[in-house]
Amino acid sequence: VMKTDNGSPFNSNSFAHFAFYSGFTHRQITPRWPRPNAQAESFNKSLMKAARAATVEIKCWKQNLHKFLCQYRATLHPSTGFSPYHLMFGCASQTRLPPPPKRPKLNTRQAEIKTEPRQT
C-alpha cells in the first residue's frame, strides 16, 4: 500500500495504471490529518537539506540527491532492523558502507528476566 496526499500527480489515470501494473495499492490520506503525512514531510525535509547542501557547496544537486537516496536506502532503520533496499529486494545492497554491527545476543539471565511475569 502506498499512501500519498491528494496531489494531482497521484489522482491521474496513468498513476492508477502504474500502481496496478506495479502491483501495489494506492490510498490517499485524509486531508489535514497530520499523522500519516508526518513521515513523508520528515523525509522531504531531509531531501531538501541534501539539495541545499549541494547548492551551497556548488555541486550538482541532482547527483547529490541521488547519492543521498542511495545511502538512505542502504542504511538500516531501527524500527525494522533492515534497510529499505533489503525490504524491497530481499538482499543487501552493494555499497561502500561498512556492514552493520551484529546485535549482541541476550545471555540466559537477561532472557529469563524478559520472560518472567511482572508483579504489579
PDB file of N, CA and C in Angstrom:
ATOM      1  N   VAL A   1       0.845  -1.177   0.000  1.00  0.00           N
ATOM      2  CA  VAL A   1       0.000   0.000   0.000  1.00  0.00           C
ATOM      3  C   VAL A   1       0.888   1.236   0.000  1.00  0.00           C
ATOM      4  N   MET A   2       0.601   2.146  -0.915  1.00  0.00           N
ATOM      5  CA  MET A   2       1.321   3.419  -0.982  1.00  0.00           C
ATOM      6  C   MET A   2       0.345   4.522  -0.605  1.00  0.00           C
ATOM      7  N   LYS A   3       0.674   5.246   0.461  1.00  0.00           N
ATOM      8  CA  LYS A   3      -0.192   6.335   0.903  1.00  0.00           C
ATOM      9  C   LYS A   3       0.401   7.652   0.436  1.00  0.00           C
ATOM     10  N   THR A   4      -0.428   8.475  -0.191  1.00  0.00           N
ATOM     11  CA  THR A   4       0.026   9.778  -0.675  1.00  0.00           C
ATOM     12  C   THR A   4      -0.986  10.842  -0.291  1.00  0.00           C
ATOM     13  N   ASP A   5      -0.587  12.086  -0.493  1.00  0.00           N
ATOM     14  CA  ASP A   5      -1.528  13.171  -0.281  1.00  0.00           C
ATOM     15  C   ASP A   5      -2.467  13.238  -1.484  1.00  0.00           C
ATOM     16  N   ASN A   6      -3.296  14.232  -1.527  1.00  0.00           N
ATOM     17  CA  ASN A   6      -4.280  14.344  -2.602  1.00  0.00           C
ATOM     18  C   ASN A   6      -3.772  15.178  -3.769  1.00  0.00           C
ATOM     19  N   GLY A   7      -2.475  15.159  -3.997  1.00  0.00           N
ATOM     20  CA  GLY A   7      -1.887  15.926  -5.091  1.00  0.00           C
ATOM     21  C   GLY A   7      -2.326  15.415  -6.450  1.00  0.00           C
ATOM     22  N   SER A   8      -2.371  16.319  -7.412  1.00  0.00           N
ATOM     23  CA  SER A   8      -2.845  15.967  -8.754  1.00  0.00           C
ATOM     24  C   SER A   8      -2.020  14.877  -9.435  1.00  0.00           C
ATOM     25  N   PRO A   9      -0.694  14.748  -9.205  1.00  0.00           N
ATOM     26  CA  PRO A   9       0.032  13.663  -9.873  1.00  0.00           C
ATOM     27  C   PRO A   9      -0.457  12.275  -9.461  1.00  0.00           C
ATOM     28  N   PHE A  10      -1.012  12.174  -8.248  1.00  0.00           N
ATOM     29  CA  PHE A  10      -1.458  10.868  -7.759  1.00  0.00           C
ATOM     30  C   PHE A  10      -2.925  10.591  -8.073  1.00  0.00           C
ATOM     31  N   ASN A  11      -3.622  11.545  -8.659  1.00  0.00           N
ATOM     32  CA  ASN A  11      -5.032  11.366  -8.991  1.00  0.00           C
ATOM     33  C   ASN A  11      -5.264  11.018 -10.454  1.00  0.00           C
ATOM     34  N   SER A  12      -4.211  10.904 -11.232  1.00  0.00           N
ATOM     35  CA  SER A  12      -4.368  10.677 -12.669  1.00  0.00           C
ATOM     36  C   SER A  12      -4.618   9.203 -12.979  1.00  0.00           C
ATOM     37  N   ASN A  13      -5.192   8.958 -14.137  1.00  0.00           N
ATOM     38  CA  ASN A  13      -5.416   7.583 -14.594  1.00  0.00           C
ATOM     39  C   ASN A  13      -4.097   6.875 -14.867  1.00  0.00           C
ATOM     40  N   SER A  14      -3.110   7.619 -15.358  1.00  0.00           N
ATOM     41  CA  SER A  14      -1.821   6.986 -15.654  1.00  0.00           C
ATOM     42  C   SER A  14      -1.160   6.476 -14.372  1.00  0.00           C
ATOM     43  N   PHE A  15      -1.308   7.202 -13.254  1.00  0.00           N
ATOM     44  CA  PHE A  15      -0.745   6.717 -11.991  1.00  0.00           C
ATOM     45  C   PHE A  15      -1.517   5.496 -11.496  1.00  0.00           C
ATOM     46  N   ALA A  16      -2.823   5.482 -11.692  1.00  0.00           N
ATOM     47  CA  ALA A  16      -3.623   4.315 -11.297  1.00  0.00           C
ATOM     48  C   ALA A  16      -3.194   3.084 -12.086  1.00  0.00           C
ATOM     49  N   HIS A  17      -2.943   3.241 -13.387  1.00  0.00           N
ATOM     50  CA  HIS A  17      -2.460   2.119 -14.207  1.00  0.00           C
ATOM     51  C   HIS A  17      -1.069   1.685 -13.758  1.00  0.00           C
ATOM     52  N   PHE A  18      -0.203   2.653 -13.457  1.00  0.00           N
ATOM     53  CA  PHE A  18       1.141   2.339 -12.973  1.00  0.00           C
ATOM     54  C   PHE A  18       1.068   1.532 -11.678  1.00  0.00           C
ATOM     55  N   ALA A  19       0.214   1.949 -10.760  1.00  0.00           N
ATOM     56  CA  ALA A  19       0.067   1.235  -9.486  1.00  0.00           C
ATOM     57  C   ALA A  19      -0.443  -0.181  -9.719  1.00  0.00           C
ATOM     58  N   PHE A  20      -1.410  -0.325 -10.610  1.00  0.00           N
ATOM     59  CA  PHE A  20      -1.975  -1.649 -10.896  1.00  0.00           C
ATOM     60  C   PHE A  20      -0.918  -2.581 -11.481  1.00  0.00           C
ATOM     61  N   TYR A  21      -0.185  -2.108 -12.482  1.00  0.00           N
ATOM     62  CA  TYR A  21       0.813  -2.956 -13.141  1.00  0.00           C
ATOM     63  C   TYR A  21       2.065  -3.171 -12.290  1.00  0.00           C
ATOM     64  N   SER A  22       2.316  -2.261 -11.345  1.00  0.00           N
ATOM     65  CA  SER A  22       3.460  -2.438 -10.448  1.00  0.00           C
ATOM     66  C   SER A  22       3.106  -3.318  -9.254  1.00  0.00           C
ATOM     67  N   GLY A  23       1.821  -3.569  -9.070  1.00  0.00           N
ATOM     68  CA  GLY A  23       1.392  -4.495  -8.024  1.00  0.00           C
ATOM     69  C   GLY A  23       1.233  -3.880  -6.644  1.00  0.00           C
ATOM     70  N   PHE A  24       0.945  -2.591  -6.564  1.00  0.00           N
ATOM     71  CA  PHE A  24       0.684  -2.006  -5.248  1.00  0.00           C
ATOM     72  C   PHE A  24      -0.635  -1.258  -5.282  1.00  0.00           C
ATOM     73  N   THR A  25      -1.187  -1.060  -4.097  1.00  0.00           N
ATOM     74  CA  THR A  25      -2.446  -0.327  -3.979  1.00  0.00           C
ATOM     75  C   THR A  25      -2.145   1.099  -3.554  1.00  0.00           C
ATOM     76  N   HIS A  26      -2.908   2.010  -4.077  1.00  0.00           N
ATOM     77  CA  HIS A  26      -2.716   3.425  -3.771  1.00  0.00           C
ATOM     78  C   HIS A  26      -3.865   3.898  -2.893  1.00  0.00           C
ATOM     79  N   ARG A  27      -3.510   4.487  -1.758  1.00  0.00           N
ATOM     80  CA  ARG A  27      -4.512   5.057  -0.868  1.00  0.00           C
ATOM     81  C   ARG A  27      -4.139   6.507  -0.607  1.00  0.00           C
ATOM     82  N   GLN A  28      -5.141   7.357  -0.614  1.00  0.00           N
ATOM     83  CA  GLN A  28      -4.897   8.766  -0.324  1.00  0.00           C
ATOM     84  C   GLN A  28      -5.191   9.021   1.145  1.00  0.00           C
ATOM     85  N   ILE A  29      -4.346   9.818   1.782  1.00  0.00           N
ATOM     86  CA  ILE A  29      -4.562  10.134   3.184  1.00  0.00           C
ATOM     87  C   ILE A  29      -5.633  11.202   3.300  1.00  0.00           C
ATOM     88  N   THR A  30      -6.201  11.282   4.473  1.00  0.00           N
ATOM     89  CA  THR A  30      -7.228  12.276   4.722  1.00  0.00           C
ATOM     90  C   THR A  30      -6.589  13.657   4.800  1.00  0.00           C
ATOM     91  N   PRO A  31      -7.139  14.630   4.095  1.00  0.00           N
ATOM     92  CA  PRO A  31      -6.570  15.979   4.161  1.00  0.00           C
ATOM     93  C   PRO A  31      -6.611  16.530   5.588  1.00  0.00           C
ATOM     94  N   ARG A  32      -5.617  17.296   5.916  1.00  0.00           N
ATOM     95  CA  ARG A  32      -5.484  17.941   7.231  1.00  0.00           C
ATOM     96  C   ARG A  32      -5.412  16.932   8.374  1.00  0.00           C
ATOM     97  N   TRP A  33      -4.903  15.752   8.096  1.00  0.00           N
ATOM     98  CA  TRP A  33      -4.670  14.753   9.137  1.00  0.00           C
ATOM     99  C   TRP A  33      -3.174  14.530   9.184  1.00  0.00           C
ATOM    100  N   PRO A  34      -2.468  15.173  10.099  1.00  0.00           N
ATOM    101  CA  PRO A  34      -1.011  15.240  10.033  1.00  0.00           C
ATOM    102  C   PRO A  34      -0.261  13.941  10.302  1.00  0.00           C
ATOM    103  N   ARG A  35      -0.842  13.020  11.053  1.00  0.00           N
ATOM    104  CA  ARG A  35      -0.066  11.843  11.434  1.00  0.00           C
ATOM    105  C   ARG A  35       0.452  11.034  10.252  1.00  0.00           C
ATOM    106  N   PRO A  36      -0.372  10.648   9.281  1.00  0.00           N
ATOM    107  CA  PRO A  36       0.197   9.879   8.171  1.00  0.00           C
ATOM    108  C   PRO A  36       1.111  10.709   7.283  1.00  0.00           C
ATOM    109  N   ASN A  37       0.914  12.005   7.275  1.00  0.00           N
ATOM    110  CA  ASN A  37       1.718  12.863   6.420  1.00  0.00           C
ATOM    111  C   ASN A  37       3.053  13.222   7.076  1.00  0.00           C
ATOM    112  N   ALA A  38       3.189  12.981   8.374  1.00  0.00           N
ATOM    113  CA  ALA A  38       4.392  13.394   9.103  1.00  0.00           C
ATOM    114  C   ALA A  38       5.640  12.683   8.598  1.00  0.00           C
ATOM    115  N   GLN A  39       5.546  11.383   8.307  1.00  0.00           N
ATOM    116  CA  GLN A  39       6.707  10.647   7.816  1.00  0.00           C
ATOM    117  C   GLN A  39       7.174  11.202   6.477  1.00  0.00           C
ATOM    118  N   ALA A  40       6.236  11.453   5.596  1.00  0.00           N
ATOM    119  CA  ALA A  40       6.591  11.984   4.278  1.00  0.00           C
ATOM    120  C   ALA A  40       7.215  13.370   4.414  1.00  0.00           C
ATOM    121  N   GLU A  41       6.636  14.209   5.256  1.00  0.00           N
ATOM    122  CA  GLU A  41       7.171  15.559   5.436  1.00  0.00           C
ATOM    123  C   GLU A  41       8.562  15.516   6.068  1.00  0.00           C
ATOM    124  N   SER A  42       8.769  14.596   6.998  1.00  0.00           N
ATOM    125  CA  SER A  42      10.081  14.457   7.631  1.00  0.00           C
ATOM    126  C   SER A  42      11.129  14.039   6.606  1.00  0.00           C
ATOM    127  N   PHE A  43      10.766  13.096   5.747  1.00  0.00           N
ATOM    128  CA  PHE A  43      11.704  12.651   4.720  1.00  0.00           C
ATOM    129  C   PHE A  43      11.957  13.763   3.705  1.00  0.00           C
ATOM    130  N   ASN A  44      10.914  14.504   3.342  1.00  0.00           N
ATOM    131  CA  ASN A  44      11.088  15.625   2.411  1.00  0.00           C
ATOM    132  C   ASN A  44      12.035  16.675   2.985  1.00  0.00           C
ATOM    133  N   LYS A  45      11.992  16.864   4.313  1.00  0.00           N
ATOM    134  CA  LYS A  45      12.912  17.795   4.960  1.00  0.00           C
ATOM    135  C   LYS A  45      14.356  17.361   4.733  1.00  0.00           C
ATOM    136  N   SER A  46      14.600  16.046   4.886  1.00  0.00           N
ATOM    137  CA  SER A  46      15.954  15.517   4.673  1.00  0.00           C
ATOM    138  C   SER A  46      16.382  15.680   3.220  1.00  0.00           C
ATOM    139  N   LEU A  47      15.464  15.436   2.291  1.00  0.00           N
ATOM    140  CA  LEU A  47      15.772  15.607   0.867  1.00  0.00           C
ATOM    141  C   LEU A  47      16.139  17.050   0.549  1.00  0.00           C
ATOM    142  N   MET A  48      15.351  17.974   1.064  1.00  0.00           N
ATOM    143  CA  MET A  48      15.612  19.386   0.799  1.00  0.00           C
ATOM    144  C   MET A  48      16.933  19.832   1.422  1.00  0.00           C
ATOM    145  N   LYS A  49      17.256  19.282   2.586  1.00  0.00           N
ATOM    146  CA  LYS A  49      18.527  19.612   3.234  1.00  0.00           C
ATOM    147  C   LYS A  49      19.698  19.149   2.369  1.00  0.00           C
ATOM    148  N   ALA A  50      19.590  17.949   1.787  1.00  0.00           N
ATOM    149  CA  ALA A  50      20.649  17.436   0.911  1.00  0.00           C
ATOM    150  C   ALA A  50      20.777  18.295  -0.346  1.00  0.00           C
ATOM    151  N   ALA A  51      19.648  18.724  -0.906  1.00  0.00           N
ATOM    152  CA  ALA A  51      19.681  19.565  -2.107  1.00  0.00           C
ATOM    153  C   ALA A  51      20.292  20.933  -1.800  1.00  0.00           C
ATOM    154  N   ARG A  52      19.929  21.517  -0.647  1.00  0.00           N
ATOM    155  CA  ARG A  52      20.500  22.818  -0.266  1.00  0.00           C
ATOM    156  C   ARG A  52      21.997  22.709  -0.018  1.00  0.00           C
ATOM    157  N   ALA A  53      22.423  21.615   0.616  1.00  0.00           N
ATOM    158  CA  ALA A  53      23.857  21.422   0.875  1.00  0.00           C
ATOM    159  C   ALA A  53      24.630  21.372  -0.435  1.00  0.00           C
ATOM    160  N   ALA A  54      24.060  20.741  -1.440  1.00  0.00           N
ATOM    161  CA  ALA A  54      24.732  20.650  -2.742  1.00  0.00           C
ATOM    162  C   ALA A  54      24.862  22.023  -3.385  1.00  0.00           C
ATOM    163  N   THR A  55      23.823  22.838  -3.293  1.00  0.00           N
ATOM    164  CA  THR A  55      23.896  24.160  -3.914  1.00  0.00           C
ATOM    165  C   THR A  55      24.875  25.060  -3.171  1.00  0.00           C
ATOM    166  N   VAL A  56      24.968  24.917  -1.845  1.00  0.00           N
ATOM    167  CA  VAL A  56      25.931  25.707  -1.071  1.00  0.00           C
ATOM    168  C   VAL A  56      27.352  25.312  -1.445  1.00  0.00           C
ATOM    169  N   GLU A  57      27.580  24.011  -1.633  1.00  0.00           N
ATOM    170  CA  GLU A  57      28.910  23.519  -1.995  1.00  0.00           C
ATOM    171  C   GLU A  57      29.189  23.642  -3.493  1.00  0.00           C
ATOM    172  N   ILE A  58      28.260  24.231  -4.227  1.00  0.00           N
ATOM    173  CA  ILE A  58      28.350  24.412  -5.677  1.00  0.00           C
ATOM    174  C   ILE A  58      28.588  23.067  -6.375  1.00  0.00           C
ATOM    175  N   LYS A  59      27.743  22.117  -6.036  1.00  0.00           N
ATOM    176  CA  LYS A  59      27.761  20.801  -6.675  1.00  0.00           C
ATOM    177  C   LYS A  59      26.431  20.605  -7.384  1.00  0.00           C
ATOM    178  N   CYS A  60      26.389  19.621  -8.237  1.00  0.00           N
ATOM    179  CA  CYS A  60      25.141  19.305  -8.933  1.00  0.00           C
ATOM    180  C   CYS A  60      24.156  18.711  -7.924  1.00  0.00           C
ATOM    181  N   TRP A  61      23.044  19.405  -7.695  1.00  0.00           N
ATOM    182  CA  TRP A  61      22.109  18.945  -6.678  1.00  0.00           C
ATOM    183  C   TRP A  61      21.467  17.618  -7.046  1.00  0.00           C
ATOM    184  N   LYS A  62      21.318  17.330  -8.341  1.00  0.00           N
ATOM    185  CA  LYS A  62      20.721  16.053  -8.752  1.00  0.00           C
ATOM    186  C   LYS A  62      21.628  14.886  -8.378  1.00  0.00           C
ATOM    187  N   GLN A  63      22.930  15.044  -8.611  1.00  0.00           N
ATOM    188  CA  GLN A  63      23.870  13.978  -8.249  1.00  0.00           C
ATOM    189  C   GLN A  63      23.939  13.811  -6.736  1.00  0.00           C
ATOM    190  N   ASN A  64      23.926  14.919  -6.012  1.00  0.00           N
ATOM    191  CA  ASN A  64      23.971  14.857  -4.557  1.00  0.00           C
ATOM    192  C   ASN A  64      22.716  14.182  -4.002  1.00  0.00           C
ATOM    193  N   LEU A  65      21.572  14.468  -4.605  1.00  0.00           N
ATOM    194  CA  LEU A  65      20.318  13.853  -4.183  1.00  0.00           C
ATOM    195  C   LEU A  65      20.335  12.353  -4.450  1.00  0.00           C
ATOM    196  N   HIS A  66      20.867  11.971  -5.600  1.00  0.00           N
ATOM    197  CA  HIS A  66      20.975  10.545  -5.936  1.00  0.00           C
ATOM    198  C   HIS A  66      21.868   9.829  -4.921  1.00  0.00           C
ATOM    199  N   LYS A  67      22.975  10.456  -4.569  1.00  0.00           N
ATOM    200  CA  LYS A  67      23.898   9.876  -3.584  1.00  0.00           C
ATOM    201  C   LYS A  67      23.204   9.737  -2.224  1.00  0.00           C
ATOM    202  N   PHE A  68      22.466  10.776  -1.824  1.00  0.00           N
ATOM    203  CA  PHE A  68      21.728  10.742  -0.562  1.00  0.00           C
ATOM    204  C   PHE A  68      20.722   9.595  -0.550  1.00  0.00           C
ATOM    205  N   LEU A  69      19.972   9.444  -1.644  1.00  0.00           N
ATOM    206  CA  LEU A  69      18.966   8.382  -1.707  1.00  0.00           C
ATOM    207  C   LEU A  69      19.598   6.995  -1.658  1.00  0.00           C
ATOM    208  N   CYS A  70      20.724   6.814  -2.335  1.00  0.00           N
ATOM    209  CA  CYS A  70      21.419   5.517  -2.293  1.00  0.00           C
ATOM    210  C   CYS A  70      21.861   5.193  -0.870  1.00  0.00           C
ATOM    211  N   GLN A  71      22.406   6.190  -0.179  1.00  0.00           N
ATOM    212  CA  GLN A  71      22.851   5.970   1.196  1.00  0.00           C
ATOM    213  C   GLN A  71      21.673   5.706   2.124  1.00  0.00           C
ATOM    214  N   TYR A  72      20.589   6.439   1.931  1.00  0.00           N
ATOM    215  CA  TYR A  72      19.399   6.244   2.767  1.00  0.00           C
ATOM    216  C   TYR A  72      18.837   4.836   2.583  1.00  0.00           C
ATOM    217  N   ARG A  73      18.751   4.400   1.340  1.00  0.00           N
ATOM    218  CA  ARG A  73      18.169   3.084   1.059  1.00  0.00           C
ATOM    219  C   ARG A  73      19.039   1.935   1.552  1.00  0.00           C
ATOM    220  N   ALA A  74      20.335   2.191   1.753  1.00  0.00           N
ATOM    221  CA  ALA A  74      21.250   1.143   2.210  1.00  0.00           C
ATOM    222  C   ALA A  74      21.422   1.138   3.728  1.00  0.00           C
ATOM    223  N   THR A  75      20.896   2.149   4.412  1.00  0.00           N
ATOM    224  CA  THR A  75      21.084   2.279   5.855  1.00  0.00           C
ATOM    225  C   THR A  75      20.009   1.513   6.613  1.00  0.00           C
ATOM    226  N   LEU A  76      20.437   0.804   7.662  1.00  0.00           N
ATOM    227  CA  LEU A  76      19.482   0.080   8.498  1.00  0.00           C
ATOM    228  C   LEU A  76      18.590   1.056   9.245  1.00  0.00           C
ATOM    229  N   HIS A  77      17.319   0.702   9.364  1.00  0.00           N
ATOM    230  CA  HIS A  77      16.387   1.517  10.122  1.00  0.00           C
ATOM    231  C   HIS A  77      16.106   0.838  11.449  1.00  0.00           C
ATOM    232  N   PRO A  78      16.119   1.602  12.538  1.00  0.00           N
ATOM    233  CA  PRO A  78      15.956   0.984  13.850  1.00  0.00           C
ATOM    234  C   PRO A  78      14.605   0.295  14.038  1.00  0.00           C
ATOM    235  N   SER A  79      13.567   0.789  13.399  1.00  0.00           N
ATOM    236  CA  SER A  79      12.246   0.191  13.602  1.00  0.00           C
ATOM    237  C   SER A  79      12.121  -1.185  12.956  1.00  0.00           C
ATOM    238  N   THR A  80      12.787  -1.411  11.833  1.00  0.00           N
ATOM    239  CA  THR A  80      12.670  -2.695  11.138  1.00  0.00           C
ATOM    240  C   THR A  80      13.898  -3.572  11.306  1.00  0.00           C
ATOM    241  N   GLY A  81      15.052  -2.956  11.526  1.00  0.00           N
ATOM    242  CA  GLY A  81      16.296  -3.710  11.604  1.00  0.00           C
ATOM    243  C   GLY A  81      16.867  -4.043  10.237  1.00  0.00           C
ATOM    244  N   PHE A  82      16.233  -3.556   9.178  1.00  0.00           N
ATOM    245  CA  PHE A  82      16.671  -3.798   7.808  1.00  0.00           C
ATOM    246  C   PHE A  82      16.739  -2.476   7.064  1.00  0.00           C
ATOM    247  N   SER A  83      17.445  -2.484   5.954  1.00  0.00           N
ATOM    248  CA  SER A  83      17.478  -1.299   5.102  1.00  0.00           C
ATOM    249  C   SER A  83      16.262  -1.324   4.180  1.00  0.00           C
ATOM    250  N   PRO A  84      15.825  -0.166   3.678  1.00  0.00           N
ATOM    251  CA  PRO A  84      14.723  -0.163   2.718  1.00  0.00           C
ATOM    252  C   PRO A  84      15.033  -1.015   1.487  1.00  0.00           C
ATOM    253  N   TYR A  85      16.283  -1.016   1.043  1.00  0.00           N
ATOM    254  CA  TYR A  85      16.679  -1.831  -0.110  1.00  0.00           C
ATOM    255  C   TYR A  85      16.457  -3.308   0.186  1.00  0.00           C
ATOM    256  N   HIS A  86      16.872  -3.747   1.372  1.00  0.00           N
ATOM    257  CA  HIS A  86      16.722  -5.156   1.745  1.00  0.00           C
ATOM    258  C   HIS A  86      15.250  -5.544   1.823  1.00  0.00           C
ATOM    259  N   LEU A  87      14.426  -4.663   2.370  1.00  0.00           N
ATOM    260  CA  LEU A  87      12.995  -4.957   2.463  1.00  0.00           C
ATOM    261  C   LEU A  87      12.344  -5.025   1.084  1.00  0.00           C
ATOM    262  N   MET A  88      12.822  -4.216   0.164  1.00  0.00           N
ATOM    263  CA  MET A  88      12.237  -4.184  -1.175  1.00  0.00           C
ATOM    264  C   MET A  88      12.691  -5.359  -2.030  1.00  0.00           C
ATOM    265  N   PHE A  89      13.987  -5.672  -1.994  1.00  0.00           N
ATOM    266  CA  PHE A  89      14.544  -6.667  -2.913  1.00  0.00           C
ATOM    267  C   PHE A  89      14.960  -7.975  -2.245  1.00  0.00           C
ATOM    268  N   GLY A  90      14.936  -8.032  -0.917  1.00  0.00           N
ATOM    269  CA  GLY A  90      15.248  -9.269  -0.219  1.00  0.00           C
ATOM    270  C   GLY A  90      16.724  -9.589  -0.096  1.00  0.00           C
ATOM    271  N   CYS A  91      17.592  -8.635  -0.404  1.00  0.00           N
ATOM    272  CA  CYS A  91      19.036  -8.858  -0.253  1.00  0.00           C
ATOM    273  C   CYS A  91      19.692  -7.517   0.074  1.00  0.00           C
ATOM    274  N   ALA A  92      20.914  -7.594   0.568  1.00  0.00           N
ATOM    275  CA  ALA A  92      21.637  -6.370   0.916  1.00  0.00           C
ATOM    276  C   ALA A  92      22.116  -5.666  -0.349  1.00  0.00           C
ATOM    277  N   SER A  93      22.160  -4.349  -0.306  1.00  0.00           N
ATOM    278  CA  SER A  93      22.639  -3.590  -1.462  1.00  0.00           C
ATOM    279  C   SER A  93      24.161  -3.619  -1.502  1.00  0.00           C
ATOM    280  N   GLN A  94      24.706  -3.468  -2.680  1.00  0.00           N
ATOM    281  CA  GLN A  94      26.153  -3.451  -2.864  1.00  0.00           C
ATOM    282  C   GLN A  94      26.629  -2.008  -2.765  1.00  0.00           C
ATOM    283  N   THR A  95      27.098  -1.627  -1.583  1.00  0.00           N
ATOM    284  CA  THR A  95      27.572  -0.263  -1.364  1.00  0.00           C
ATOM    285  C   THR A  95      28.953  -0.287  -0.730  1.00  0.00           C
ATOM    286  N   ARG A  96      29.494   0.887  -0.551  1.00  0.00           N
ATOM    287  CA  ARG A  96      30.788   1.017   0.116  1.00  0.00           C
ATOM    288  C   ARG A  96      30.621   1.199   1.618  1.00  0.00           C
ATOM    289  N   LEU A  97      29.382   1.170   2.086  1.00  0.00           N
ATOM    290  CA  LEU A  97      29.141   1.310   3.514  1.00  0.00           C
ATOM    291  C   LEU A  97      29.638   0.069   4.242  1.00  0.00           C
ATOM    292  N   PRO A  98      30.158   0.225   5.464  1.00  0.00           N
ATOM    293  CA  PRO A  98      30.587  -0.954   6.211  1.00  0.00           C
ATOM    294  C   PRO A  98      29.376  -1.797   6.601  1.00  0.00           C
ATOM    295  N   PRO A  99      29.568  -3.099   6.792  1.00  0.00           N
ATOM    296  CA  PRO A  99      28.428  -3.934   7.175  1.00  0.00           C
ATOM    297  C   PRO A  99      27.900  -3.512   8.541  1.00  0.00           C
ATOM    298  N   PRO A 100      26.614  -3.700   8.777  1.00  0.00           N
ATOM    299  CA  PRO A 100      26.046  -3.283  10.059  1.00  0.00           C
ATOM    300  C   PRO A 100      26.610  -4.116  11.204  1.00  0.00           C
ATOM    301  N   PRO A 101      26.722  -3.525  12.391  1.00  0.00           N
ATOM    302  CA  PRO A 101      27.229  -4.292  13.526  1.00  0.00           C
ATOM    303  C   PRO A 101      26.225  -5.364  13.935  1.00  0.00           C
ATOM    304  N   LYS A 102      26.737  -6.468  14.403  1.00  0.00           N
ATOM    305  CA  LYS A 102      25.867  -7.551  14.870  1.00  0.00           C
ATOM    306  C   LYS A 102      25.239  -7.128  16.187  1.00  0.00           C
ATOM    307  N   ARG A 103      23.973  -7.453  16.352  1.00  0.00           N
ATOM    308  CA  ARG A 103      23.305  -7.164  17.611  1.00  0.00           C
ATOM    309  C   ARG A 103      23.760  -8.186  18.647  1.00  0.00           C
ATOM    310  N   PRO A 104      24.087  -7.726  19.849  1.00  0.00           N
ATOM    311  CA  PRO A 104      24.520  -8.689  20.859  1.00  0.00           C
ATOM    312  C   PRO A 104      23.358  -9.586  21.272  1.00  0.00           C
ATOM    313  N   LYS A 105      23.656 -10.855  21.443  1.00  0.00           N
ATOM    314  CA  LYS A 105      22.621 -11.796  21.862  1.00  0.00           C
ATOM    315  C   LYS A 105      22.439 -11.676  23.366  1.00  0.00           C
ATOM    316  N   LEU A 106      21.213 -11.914  23.803  1.00  0.00           N
ATOM    317  CA  LEU A 106      20.931 -11.867  25.229  1.00  0.00           C
ATOM    318  C   LEU A 106      21.550 -13.078  25.908  1.00  0.00           C
ATOM    319  N   ASN A 107      22.140 -12.851  27.086  1.00  0.00           N
ATOM    320  CA  ASN A 107      22.608 -14.019  27.816  1.00  0.00           C
ATOM    321  C   ASN A 107      21.408 -14.688  28.484  1.00  0.00           C
ATOM    322  N   THR A 108      21.604 -15.812  29.089  1.00  0.00           N
ATOM    323  CA  THR A 108      20.497 -16.605  29.620  1.00  0.00           C
ATOM    324  C   THR A 108      19.712 -15.842  30.673  1.00  0.00           C
ATOM    325  N   ARG A 109      20.394 -15.158  31.578  1.00  0.00           N
ATOM    326  CA  ARG A 109      19.700 -14.439  32.651  1.00  0.00           C
ATOM    327  C   ARG A 109      18.870 -13.289  32.095  1.00  0.00           C
ATOM    328  N   GLN A 110      19.396 -12.577  31.127  1.00  0.00           N
ATOM    329  CA  GLN A 110      18.626 -11.488  30.521  1.00  0.00           C
ATOM    330  C   GLN A 110      17.376 -12.036  29.846  1.00  0.00           C
ATOM    331  N   ALA A 111      17.487 -13.187  29.200  1.00  0.00           N
ATOM    332  CA  ALA A 111      16.331 -13.805  28.551  1.00  0.00           C
ATOM    333  C   ALA A 111      15.296 -14.218  29.586  1.00  0.00           C
ATOM    334  N   GLU A 112      15.748 -14.750  30.740  1.00  0.00           N
ATOM    335  CA  GLU A 112      14.817 -15.140  31.802  1.00  0.00           C
ATOM    336  C   GLU A 112      14.087 -13.924  32.351  1.00  0.00           C
ATOM    337  N   ILE A 113      14.819 -12.839  32.553  1.00  0.00           N
ATOM    338  CA  ILE A 113      14.208 -11.619  33.083  1.00  0.00           C
ATOM    339  C   ILE A 113      13.141 -11.104  32.129  1.00  0.00           C
ATOM    340  N   LYS A 114      13.414 -11.187  30.845  1.00  0.00           N
ATOM    341  CA  LYS A 114      12.440 -10.710  29.857  1.00  0.00           C
ATOM    342  C   LYS A 114      11.171 -11.550  29.868  1.00  0.00           C
ATOM    343  N   THR A 115      11.289 -12.856  30.156  1.00  0.00           N
ATOM    344  CA  THR A 115      10.119 -13.733  30.092  1.00  0.00           C
ATOM    345  C   THR A 115       9.390 -13.860  31.419  1.00  0.00           C
ATOM    346  N   GLU A 116      10.006 -13.416  32.533  1.00  0.00           N
ATOM    347  CA  GLU A 116       9.343 -13.503  33.834  1.00  0.00           C
ATOM    348  C   GLU A 116       8.157 -12.551  33.867  1.00  0.00           C
ATOM    349  N   PRO A 117       7.044 -13.017  34.449  1.00  0.00           N
ATOM    350  CA  PRO A 117       5.888 -12.113  34.552  1.00  0.00           C
ATOM    351  C   PRO A 117       6.179 -10.988  35.539  1.00  0.00           C
ATOM    352  N   ARG A 118       5.698  -9.824  35.233  1.00  0.00           N
ATOM    353  CA  ARG A 118       5.921  -8.664  36.094  1.00  0.00           C
ATOM    354  C   ARG A 118       4.898  -8.664  37.224  1.00  0.00           C
ATOM    355  N   GLN A 119       5.368  -8.269  38.393  1.00  0.00           N
ATOM    356  CA  GLN A 119       4.469  -8.167  39.535  1.00  0.00           C
ATOM    357  C   GLN A 119       3.915  -6.754  39.591  1.00  0.00           C
ATOM    358  N   THR A 120       2.622  -6.653  39.831  1.00  0.00           N
ATOM    359  CA  THR A 120       2.005  -5.322  39.903  1.00  0.00           C
ATOM    360  C   THR A 120       1.573  -4.982  41.295  1.00  0.00           C
TER     361      THR A 120
END
